[in-house]
Amino acid sequence: MKFSELSSNQWFDLSPYLDTCFLPVSGLSGNEPPHESAERIAETGNWLQPLETAFRGRTVTMPAYHYFDAASHAEVDRLNDICIRMRGLGFKYVVVVSGQADWAKAPSEADLLVKPEKVGDIPNAEALRQSITSIWKQGEKAR
């Protein structure tokens, strides 16, 4: 589900079942002309869409975080703060999704970073599905 599809009553009723949030991060710098911004946002959507389709009913896609520099410690810290806040809302798992390959590592407060390994990679829906189920299985073992 997308955040905009949930009313306050639905959130209250469904939140025990919606244990995973997807946090799209577009990685815009602010230097892109409109058409390049649209392309970068679409790339993130390409990596997000297979996850939303496979796990509808257990996940919520939160609003996108568009302007982000993965090389900036301050911005990574801010993203970690957002991940902590998502847990405060009741999400057990936080998955950051980006269409950009330029991440050195996953934010420490995220359970998973889904992104291309190199520029031009296309998402493999089955591999993405397995990466999500893997974090769920690890969580079950930790109980």
Protein backbone atom coordinates (compact mmCIF):
# COMPACT_ATOMS: atom_id res chain seq x y z
CA MET A 1 0.00 0.00 0.00
CA LYS A 2 1.01 3.57 -0.47
CA PHE A 3 0.84 5.93 2.50
CA SER A 4 -1.84 7.95 0.71
CA GLU A 5 -4.17 4.94 0.53
CA LEU A 6 -4.55 4.67 4.31
CA SER A 7 -7.07 6.65 6.34
CA SER A 8 -6.50 7.10 10.06
CA ASN A 9 -9.04 4.36 10.84
CA GLN A 10 -7.44 1.97 8.36
CA TRP A 11 -3.99 2.66 9.81
CA PHE A 12 -5.25 1.87 13.31
CA ASP A 13 -6.88 -1.38 12.13
CA LEU A 14 -4.13 -2.53 9.76
CA SER A 15 -0.95 -1.37 11.48
CA PRO A 16 -0.40 -4.72 13.29
CA TYR A 17 -0.16 -6.37 9.85
CA LEU A 18 1.83 -3.67 8.07
CA ASP A 19 5.22 -4.35 9.61
CA THR A 20 7.46 -3.18 6.78
CA CYS A 21 7.85 0.24 5.19
CA PHE A 22 9.56 1.11 1.96
CA LEU A 23 11.30 4.47 1.96
CA PRO A 24 12.07 5.59 -1.60
CA VAL A 25 15.18 7.77 -1.91
CA SER A 26 15.62 9.38 -5.32
CA GLY A 27 19.07 10.85 -4.78
CA LEU A 28 18.52 14.17 -6.50
CA SER A 29 21.21 16.81 -5.98
CA GLY A 30 19.19 19.81 -7.10
CA ASN A 31 21.45 20.27 -10.12
CA GLU A 32 19.29 18.17 -12.46
CA PRO A 33 17.08 19.82 -15.06
CA PRO A 34 13.44 18.72 -14.87
CA HIS A 35 13.77 15.86 -17.37
CA GLU A 36 16.75 14.36 -15.51
CA SER A 37 14.90 14.70 -12.20
CA ALA A 38 11.98 12.81 -13.69
CA GLU A 39 14.32 10.08 -14.97
CA ARG A 40 16.00 9.63 -11.57
CA ILE A 41 12.67 9.47 -9.78
CA ALA A 42 11.41 6.95 -12.34
CA GLU A 43 14.53 4.80 -11.79
CA THR A 44 13.71 4.63 -8.09
CA GLY A 45 10.12 3.73 -9.00
CA ASN A 46 11.39 0.90 -11.19
CA TRP A 47 13.12 -0.65 -8.15
CA LEU A 48 10.16 0.01 -5.87
CA GLN A 49 7.35 -1.30 -8.09
CA PRO A 50 8.25 -5.02 -7.96
CA LEU A 51 8.38 -4.83 -4.16
CA GLU A 52 5.04 -3.05 -3.87
CA THR A 53 3.44 -5.61 -6.15
CA ALA A 54 4.87 -8.65 -4.39
CA PHE A 55 4.14 -7.54 -0.84
CA ARG A 56 0.91 -5.56 -0.96
CA GLY A 57 -0.87 -6.11 2.32
CA ARG A 58 2.22 -6.29 4.51
CA THR A 59 4.09 -3.17 3.43
CA VAL A 60 3.55 0.57 3.21
CA THR A 61 5.43 2.80 0.82
CA MET A 62 6.14 6.06 2.59
CA PRO A 63 6.66 9.45 0.86
CA ALA A 64 9.81 9.69 -1.20
CA TYR A 65 12.92 11.44 0.07
CA HIS A 66 14.09 13.10 -3.13
CA TYR A 67 17.12 15.28 -2.36
CA PHE A 68 19.86 13.12 -0.91
CA ASP A 69 23.62 12.76 -1.27
CA ALA A 70 24.73 9.27 -0.20
CA ALA A 71 28.31 10.55 0.28
CA SER A 72 27.27 13.18 2.85
CA HIS A 73 27.54 12.01 6.47
CA ALA A 74 25.01 14.63 7.55
CA GLU A 75 22.45 13.43 5.01
CA VAL A 76 23.02 9.78 5.89
CA ASP A 77 22.51 10.72 9.55
CA ARG A 78 19.23 12.43 8.64
CA LEU A 79 18.10 9.36 6.72
CA ASN A 80 18.98 7.21 9.73
CA ASP A 81 16.82 9.51 11.88
CA ILE A 82 13.94 9.02 9.46
CA CYS A 83 14.39 5.24 9.67
CA ILE A 84 14.23 5.48 13.48
CA ARG A 85 11.04 7.52 13.21
CA MET A 86 9.51 4.89 10.93
CA ARG A 87 10.14 2.30 13.64
CA GLY A 88 8.49 4.67 16.11
CA LEU A 89 5.37 4.49 13.95
CA GLY A 90 5.33 0.73 14.49
CA PHE A 91 7.21 -0.60 11.49
CA LYS A 92 9.47 -3.49 12.43
CA TYR A 93 11.41 -3.34 9.15
CA VAL A 94 12.57 -0.31 7.18
CA VAL A 95 13.72 -0.83 3.60
CA VAL A 96 15.37 2.04 1.74
CA VAL A 97 14.82 1.82 -2.02
CA SER A 98 16.82 3.79 -4.58
CA GLY A 99 17.34 3.69 -8.31
CA GLN A 100 20.86 5.05 -7.84
CA ALA A 101 23.95 2.84 -7.63
CA ASP A 102 26.14 5.43 -5.90
CA TRP A 103 25.60 4.30 -2.30
CA ALA A 104 28.74 3.24 -0.42
CA LYS A 105 26.69 1.32 2.15
CA ALA A 106 23.20 1.01 3.58
CA PRO A 107 22.09 3.45 6.24
CA SER A 108 22.80 1.79 9.59
CA GLU A 109 19.20 2.13 10.79
CA ALA A 110 17.71 0.53 7.67
CA ASP A 111 17.21 -3.21 7.54
CA LEU A 112 17.94 -3.30 3.84
CA LEU A 113 19.04 -1.05 0.98
CA VAL A 114 17.57 -2.02 -2.37
CA LYS A 115 19.41 -0.43 -5.29
CA PRO A 116 21.22 -1.27 -8.51
CA GLU A 117 24.75 -2.58 -8.07
CA LYS A 118 25.91 -0.53 -11.04
CA VAL A 119 24.47 2.17 -13.26
CA GLY A 120 22.14 0.68 -15.84
CA ASP A 121 21.16 -2.43 -13.86
CA ILE A 122 17.52 -3.37 -14.08
CA PRO A 123 15.60 -4.84 -11.15
CA ASN A 124 15.23 -8.58 -10.87
CA ALA A 125 11.79 -9.03 -9.27
CA GLU A 126 12.58 -12.47 -7.86
CA ALA A 127 15.88 -11.39 -6.31
CA LEU A 128 14.19 -8.35 -4.78
CA ARG A 129 11.41 -10.53 -3.37
CA GLN A 130 13.98 -12.87 -1.85
CA SER A 131 15.88 -9.99 -0.24
CA ILE A 132 12.73 -8.87 1.59
CA THR A 133 11.72 -12.36 2.69
CA SER A 134 15.27 -12.86 3.94
CA ILE A 135 15.03 -9.95 6.39
CA TRP A 136 11.66 -11.24 7.58
CA LYS A 137 13.12 -14.72 8.18
CA GLN A 138 16.07 -13.24 10.08
CA GLY A 139 13.62 -11.31 12.24
CA GLU A 140 11.67 -14.47 13.02
CA LYS A 141 14.86 -16.26 14.09
CA ALA A 142 15.75 -13.38 16.42
CA ARG A 143 12.50 -13.79 18.36
